[in-house]
Amino acid sequence: MNGIKQGLLVAALVAALIIVAFGTYFLFAHPSLISVITFFSVVPVFLIVGLGFFRTARSRN
């Protein structure tokens, strides 16, 4: 059961980092005010969440 929880944490980490990558792409591919606002409001949240999932997954050895 511990392996399943760790796998789900890694999957959530990957999903959060994909959202960060999409936000960064959107900022540079379509420069506008809404992309800047989206970048600075969404990306830090999902970066912190993703890194938190990474830390939790690593501590479940």
PDB file of N, CA and C in Angstrom:
ATOM      1  N   MET A   1       0.827  -1.203   0.000  1.00  0.00           N
ATOM      2  CA  MET A   1       0.000   0.000   0.000  1.00  0.00           C
ATOM      3  C   MET A   1       0.866   1.259   0.000  1.00  0.00           C
ATOM      4  N   ASN A   2       2.046   1.167   0.621  1.00  0.00           N
ATOM      5  CA  ASN A   2       2.928   2.323   0.683  1.00  0.00           C
ATOM      6  C   ASN A   2       3.434   2.693  -0.717  1.00  0.00           C
ATOM      7  N   GLY A   3       3.670   1.670  -1.560  1.00  0.00           N
ATOM      8  CA  GLY A   3       4.122   1.944  -2.912  1.00  0.00           C
ATOM      9  C   GLY A   3       3.062   2.646  -3.748  1.00  0.00           C
ATOM     10  N   ILE A   4       1.798   2.311  -3.516  1.00  0.00           N
ATOM     11  CA  ILE A   4       0.708   2.958  -4.249  1.00  0.00           C
ATOM     12  C   ILE A   4       0.611   4.428  -3.854  1.00  0.00           C
ATOM     13  N   LYS A   5       0.734   4.710  -2.565  1.00  0.00           N
ATOM     14  CA  LYS A   5       0.674   6.102  -2.109  1.00  0.00           C
ATOM     15  C   LYS A   5       1.846   6.908  -2.667  1.00  0.00           C
ATOM     16  N   GLN A   6       3.020   6.296  -2.680  1.00  0.00           N
ATOM     17  CA  GLN A   6       4.183   6.989  -3.219  1.00  0.00           C
ATOM     18  C   GLN A   6       4.019   7.227  -4.717  1.00  0.00           C
ATOM     19  N   GLY A   7       3.460   6.248  -5.429  1.00  0.00           N
ATOM     20  CA  GLY A   7       3.215   6.426  -6.855  1.00  0.00           C
ATOM     21  C   GLY A   7       2.206   7.524  -7.143  1.00  0.00           C
ATOM     22  N   LEU A   8       1.172   7.618  -6.328  1.00  0.00           N
ATOM     23  CA  LEU A   8       0.187   8.687  -6.496  1.00  0.00           C
ATOM     24  C   LEU A   8       0.793  10.058  -6.212  1.00  0.00           C
ATOM     25  N   LEU A   9       1.675  10.128  -5.218  1.00  0.00           N
ATOM     26  CA  LEU A   9       2.351  11.394  -4.935  1.00  0.00           C
ATOM     27  C   LEU A   9       3.242  11.810  -6.103  1.00  0.00           C
ATOM     28  N   VAL A  10       3.938  10.860  -6.691  1.00  0.00           N
ATOM     29  CA  VAL A  10       4.790  11.178  -7.840  1.00  0.00           C
ATOM     30  C   VAL A  10       3.931  11.596  -9.034  1.00  0.00           C
ATOM     31  N   ALA A  11       2.798  10.942  -9.246  1.00  0.00           N
ATOM     32  CA  ALA A  11       1.898  11.335 -10.335  1.00  0.00           C
ATOM     33  C   ALA A  11       1.365  12.756 -10.112  1.00  0.00           C
ATOM     34  N   ALA A  12       1.021  13.088  -8.878  1.00  0.00           N
ATOM     35  CA  ALA A  12       0.555  14.447  -8.577  1.00  0.00           C
ATOM     36  C   ALA A  12       1.683  15.455  -8.767  1.00  0.00           C
ATOM     37  N   LEU A  13       2.894  15.063  -8.418  1.00  0.00           N
ATOM     38  CA  LEU A  13       4.059  15.929  -8.632  1.00  0.00           C
ATOM     39  C   LEU A  13       4.237  16.212 -10.115  1.00  0.00           C
ATOM     40  N   VAL A  14       4.156  15.199 -10.931  1.00  0.00           N
ATOM     41  CA  VAL A  14       4.318  15.373 -12.376  1.00  0.00           C
ATOM     42  C   VAL A  14       3.203  16.262 -12.933  1.00  0.00           C
ATOM     43  N   ALA A  15       1.983  16.057 -12.479  1.00  0.00           N
ATOM     44  CA  ALA A  15       0.869  16.889 -12.943  1.00  0.00           C
ATOM     45  C   ALA A  15       1.078  18.355 -12.560  1.00  0.00           C
ATOM     46  N   ALA A  16       1.548  18.595 -11.336  1.00  0.00           N
ATOM     47  CA  ALA A  16       1.782  19.974 -10.902  1.00  0.00           C
ATOM     48  C   ALA A  16       2.895  20.619 -11.709  1.00  0.00           C
ATOM     49  N   LEU A  17       3.947  19.873 -12.002  1.00  0.00           N
ATOM     50  CA  LEU A  17       5.044  20.452 -12.774  1.00  0.00           C
ATOM     51  C   LEU A  17       4.664  20.646 -14.248  1.00  0.00           C
ATOM     52  N   ILE A  18       3.754  19.843 -14.764  1.00  0.00           N
ATOM     53  CA  ILE A  18       3.251  20.067 -16.123  1.00  0.00           C
ATOM     54  C   ILE A  18       2.459  21.375 -16.171  1.00  0.00           C
ATOM     55  N   ILE A  19       1.698  21.657 -15.133  1.00  0.00           N
ATOM     56  CA  ILE A  19       0.960  22.923 -15.077  1.00  0.00           C
ATOM     57  C   ILE A  19       1.924  24.098 -15.008  1.00  0.00           C
ATOM     58  N   VAL A  20       3.017  23.947 -14.252  1.00  0.00           N
ATOM     59  CA  VAL A  20       4.044  24.999 -14.184  1.00  0.00           C
ATOM     60  C   VAL A  20       4.663  25.204 -15.565  1.00  0.00           C
ATOM     61  N   ALA A  21       4.977  24.113 -16.251  1.00  0.00           N
ATOM     62  CA  ALA A  21       5.566  24.233 -17.589  1.00  0.00           C
ATOM     63  C   ALA A  21       4.594  24.882 -18.569  1.00  0.00           C
ATOM     64  N   PHE A  22       3.309  24.520 -18.484  1.00  0.00           N
ATOM     65  CA  PHE A  22       2.311  25.117 -19.370  1.00  0.00           C
ATOM     66  C   PHE A  22       2.160  26.618 -19.089  1.00  0.00           C
ATOM     67  N   GLY A  23       2.187  26.990 -17.812  1.00  0.00           N
ATOM     68  CA  GLY A  23       2.109  28.415 -17.474  1.00  0.00           C
ATOM     69  C   GLY A  23       3.295  29.194 -18.007  1.00  0.00           C
ATOM     70  N   THR A  24       4.485  28.598 -17.932  1.00  0.00           N
ATOM     71  CA  THR A  24       5.681  29.253 -18.458  1.00  0.00           C
ATOM     72  C   THR A  24       5.615  29.366 -19.980  1.00  0.00           C
ATOM     73  N   TYR A  25       5.160  28.302 -20.626  1.00  0.00           N
ATOM     74  CA  TYR A  25       5.002  28.342 -22.085  1.00  0.00           C
ATOM     75  C   TYR A  25       3.999  29.425 -22.489  1.00  0.00           C
ATOM     76  N   PHE A  26       2.879  29.485 -21.778  1.00  0.00           N
ATOM     77  CA  PHE A  26       1.851  30.464 -22.094  1.00  0.00           C
ATOM     78  C   PHE A  26       2.376  31.891 -21.929  1.00  0.00           C
ATOM     79  N   LEU A  27       3.252  32.096 -20.929  1.00  0.00           N
ATOM     80  CA  LEU A  27       3.822  33.425 -20.707  1.00  0.00           C
ATOM     81  C   LEU A  27       4.684  33.866 -21.886  1.00  0.00           C
ATOM     82  N   PHE A  28       5.511  32.951 -22.409  1.00  0.00           N
ATOM     83  CA  PHE A  28       6.432  33.341 -23.473  1.00  0.00           C
ATOM     84  C   PHE A  28       5.830  33.211 -24.866  1.00  0.00           C
ATOM     85  N   ALA A  29       4.891  32.308 -25.059  1.00  0.00           N
ATOM     86  CA  ALA A  29       4.307  32.133 -26.388  1.00  0.00           C
ATOM     87  C   ALA A  29       3.255  33.192 -26.704  1.00  0.00           C
ATOM     88  N   HIS A  30       2.530  33.634 -25.694  1.00  0.00           N
ATOM     89  CA  HIS A  30       1.463  34.620 -25.879  1.00  0.00           C
ATOM     90  C   HIS A  30       1.627  35.748 -24.856  1.00  0.00           C
ATOM     91  N   PRO A  31       2.603  36.621 -25.054  1.00  0.00           N
ATOM     92  CA  PRO A  31       2.834  37.677 -24.068  1.00  0.00           C
ATOM     93  C   PRO A  31       1.685  38.688 -24.038  1.00  0.00           C
ATOM     94  N   SER A  32       1.051  38.762 -22.892  1.00  0.00           N
ATOM     95  CA  SER A  32      -0.014  39.739 -22.686  1.00  0.00           C
ATOM     96  C   SER A  32      -0.175  39.925 -21.184  1.00  0.00           C
ATOM     97  N   LEU A  33      -1.048  40.817 -20.827  1.00  0.00           N
ATOM     98  CA  LEU A  33      -1.257  41.081 -19.409  1.00  0.00           C
ATOM     99  C   LEU A  33      -1.878  39.878 -18.705  1.00  0.00           C
ATOM    100  N   ILE A  34      -2.802  39.212 -19.351  1.00  0.00           N
ATOM    101  CA  ILE A  34      -3.456  38.069 -18.719  1.00  0.00           C
ATOM    102  C   ILE A  34      -2.481  36.913 -18.532  1.00  0.00           C
ATOM    103  N   SER A  35      -1.528  36.737 -19.447  1.00  0.00           N
ATOM    104  CA  SER A  35      -0.548  35.667 -19.272  1.00  0.00           C
ATOM    105  C   SER A  35       0.405  35.978 -18.129  1.00  0.00           C
ATOM    106  N   VAL A  36       0.749  37.244 -17.938  1.00  0.00           N
ATOM    107  CA  VAL A  36       1.606  37.618 -16.807  1.00  0.00           C
ATOM    108  C   VAL A  36       0.869  37.412 -15.480  1.00  0.00           C
ATOM    109  N   ILE A  37      -0.385  37.814 -15.435  1.00  0.00           N
ATOM    110  CA  ILE A  37      -1.180  37.632 -14.215  1.00  0.00           C
ATOM    111  C   ILE A  37      -1.358  36.153 -13.919  1.00  0.00           C
ATOM    112  N   THR A  38      -1.641  35.367 -14.942  1.00  0.00           N
ATOM    113  CA  THR A  38      -1.790  33.923 -14.766  1.00  0.00           C
ATOM    114  C   THR A  38      -0.494  33.293 -14.285  1.00  0.00           C
ATOM    115  N   PHE A  39       0.616  33.714 -14.876  1.00  0.00           N
ATOM    116  CA  PHE A  39       1.909  33.150 -14.491  1.00  0.00           C
ATOM    117  C   PHE A  39       2.208  33.413 -13.017  1.00  0.00           C
ATOM    118  N   PHE A  40       2.037  34.646 -12.584  1.00  0.00           N
ATOM    119  CA  PHE A  40       2.402  34.991 -11.211  1.00  0.00           C
ATOM    120  C   PHE A  40       1.362  34.581 -10.175  1.00  0.00           C
ATOM    121  N   SER A  41       0.182  34.154 -10.601  1.00  0.00           N
ATOM    122  CA  SER A  41      -0.802  33.681  -9.631  1.00  0.00           C
ATOM    123  C   SER A  41      -0.908  32.159  -9.588  1.00  0.00           C
ATOM    124  N   VAL A  42      -0.673  31.487 -10.698  1.00  0.00           N
ATOM    125  CA  VAL A  42      -0.850  30.026 -10.750  1.00  0.00           C
ATOM    126  C   VAL A  42       0.462  29.278 -10.539  1.00  0.00           C
ATOM    127  N   VAL A  43       1.510  29.721 -11.198  1.00  0.00           N
ATOM    128  CA  VAL A  43       2.768  28.970 -11.194  1.00  0.00           C
ATOM    129  C   VAL A  43       3.373  28.832  -9.796  1.00  0.00           C
ATOM    130  N   PRO A  44       3.469  29.868  -8.982  1.00  0.00           N
ATOM    131  CA  PRO A  44       4.058  29.658  -7.652  1.00  0.00           C
ATOM    132  C   PRO A  44       3.276  28.673  -6.791  1.00  0.00           C
ATOM    133  N   VAL A  45       1.969  28.685  -6.903  1.00  0.00           N
ATOM    134  CA  VAL A  45       1.145  27.768  -6.108  1.00  0.00           C
ATOM    135  C   VAL A  45       1.432  26.329  -6.498  1.00  0.00           C
ATOM    136  N   PHE A  46       1.404  26.032  -7.791  1.00  0.00           N
ATOM    137  CA  PHE A  46       1.630  24.657  -8.221  1.00  0.00           C
ATOM    138  C   PHE A  46       3.085  24.234  -8.062  1.00  0.00           C
ATOM    139  N   LEU A  47       4.017  25.180  -8.109  1.00  0.00           N
ATOM    140  CA  LEU A  47       5.412  24.842  -7.840  1.00  0.00           C
ATOM    141  C   LEU A  47       5.599  24.430  -6.394  1.00  0.00           C
ATOM    142  N   ILE A  48       4.999  25.168  -5.474  1.00  0.00           N
ATOM    143  CA  ILE A  48       5.086  24.818  -4.053  1.00  0.00           C
ATOM    144  C   ILE A  48       4.378  23.498  -3.781  1.00  0.00           C
ATOM    145  N   VAL A  49       3.213  23.288  -4.377  1.00  0.00           N
ATOM    146  CA  VAL A  49       2.480  22.031  -4.191  1.00  0.00           C
ATOM    147  C   VAL A  49       3.277  20.856  -4.753  1.00  0.00           C
ATOM    148  N   GLY A  50       3.832  21.020  -5.957  1.00  0.00           N
ATOM    149  CA  GLY A  50       4.612  19.952  -6.579  1.00  0.00           C
ATOM    150  C   GLY A  50       5.846  19.598  -5.776  1.00  0.00           C
ATOM    151  N   LEU A  51       6.554  20.600  -5.290  1.00  0.00           N
ATOM    152  CA  LEU A  51       7.741  20.328  -4.486  1.00  0.00           C
ATOM    153  C   LEU A  51       7.371  19.720  -3.141  1.00  0.00           C
ATOM    154  N   GLY A  52       6.220  20.075  -2.613  1.00  0.00           N
ATOM    155  CA  GLY A  52       5.739  19.441  -1.380  1.00  0.00           C
ATOM    156  C   GLY A  52       5.423  17.972  -1.591  1.00  0.00           C
ATOM    157  N   PHE A  53       4.806  17.642  -2.729  1.00  0.00           N
ATOM    158  CA  PHE A  53       4.556  16.238  -3.058  1.00  0.00           C
ATOM    159  C   PHE A  53       5.870  15.484  -3.221  1.00  0.00           C
ATOM    160  N   PHE A  54       6.859  16.135  -3.828  1.00  0.00           N
ATOM    161  CA  PHE A  54       8.165  15.501  -4.012  1.00  0.00           C
ATOM    162  C   PHE A  54       8.815  15.201  -2.665  1.00  0.00           C
ATOM    163  N   ARG A  55       8.757  16.160  -1.769  1.00  0.00           N
ATOM    164  CA  ARG A  55       9.344  15.965  -0.437  1.00  0.00           C
ATOM    165  C   ARG A  55       8.624  14.853   0.323  1.00  0.00           C
ATOM    166  N   THR A  56       7.310  14.812   0.235  1.00  0.00           N
ATOM    167  CA  THR A  56       6.541  13.767   0.911  1.00  0.00           C
ATOM    168  C   THR A  56       6.820  12.399   0.303  1.00  0.00           C
ATOM    169  N   ALA A  57       6.926  12.326  -1.010  1.00  0.00           N
ATOM    170  CA  ALA A  57       7.206  11.042  -1.670  1.00  0.00           C
ATOM    171  C   ALA A  57       8.592  10.539  -1.310  1.00  0.00           C
ATOM    172  N   ARG A  58       9.551  11.434  -1.198  1.00  0.00           N
ATOM    173  CA  ARG A  58      10.909  11.003  -0.839  1.00  0.00           C
ATOM    174  C   ARG A  58      10.997  10.534   0.605  1.00  0.00           C
ATOM    175  N   SER A  59      10.193  11.103   1.473  1.00  0.00           N
ATOM    176  CA  SER A  59      10.260  10.719   2.888  1.00  0.00           C
ATOM    177  C   SER A  59       9.535   9.415   3.164  1.00  0.00           C
ATOM    178  N   ARG A  60       8.832   8.851   2.180  1.00  0.00           N
ATOM    179  CA  ARG A  60       8.066   7.606   2.378  1.00  0.00           C
ATOM    180  C   ARG A  60       8.874   6.371   1.998  1.00  0.00           C
ATOM    181  N   ASN A  61      10.174   6.391   2.138  1.00  0.00           N
ATOM    182  CA  ASN A  61      11.001   5.219   1.787  1.00  0.00           C
ATOM    183  C   ASN A  61      10.763   4.084   2.688  1.00  0.00           C
TER     184      ASN A  61
END
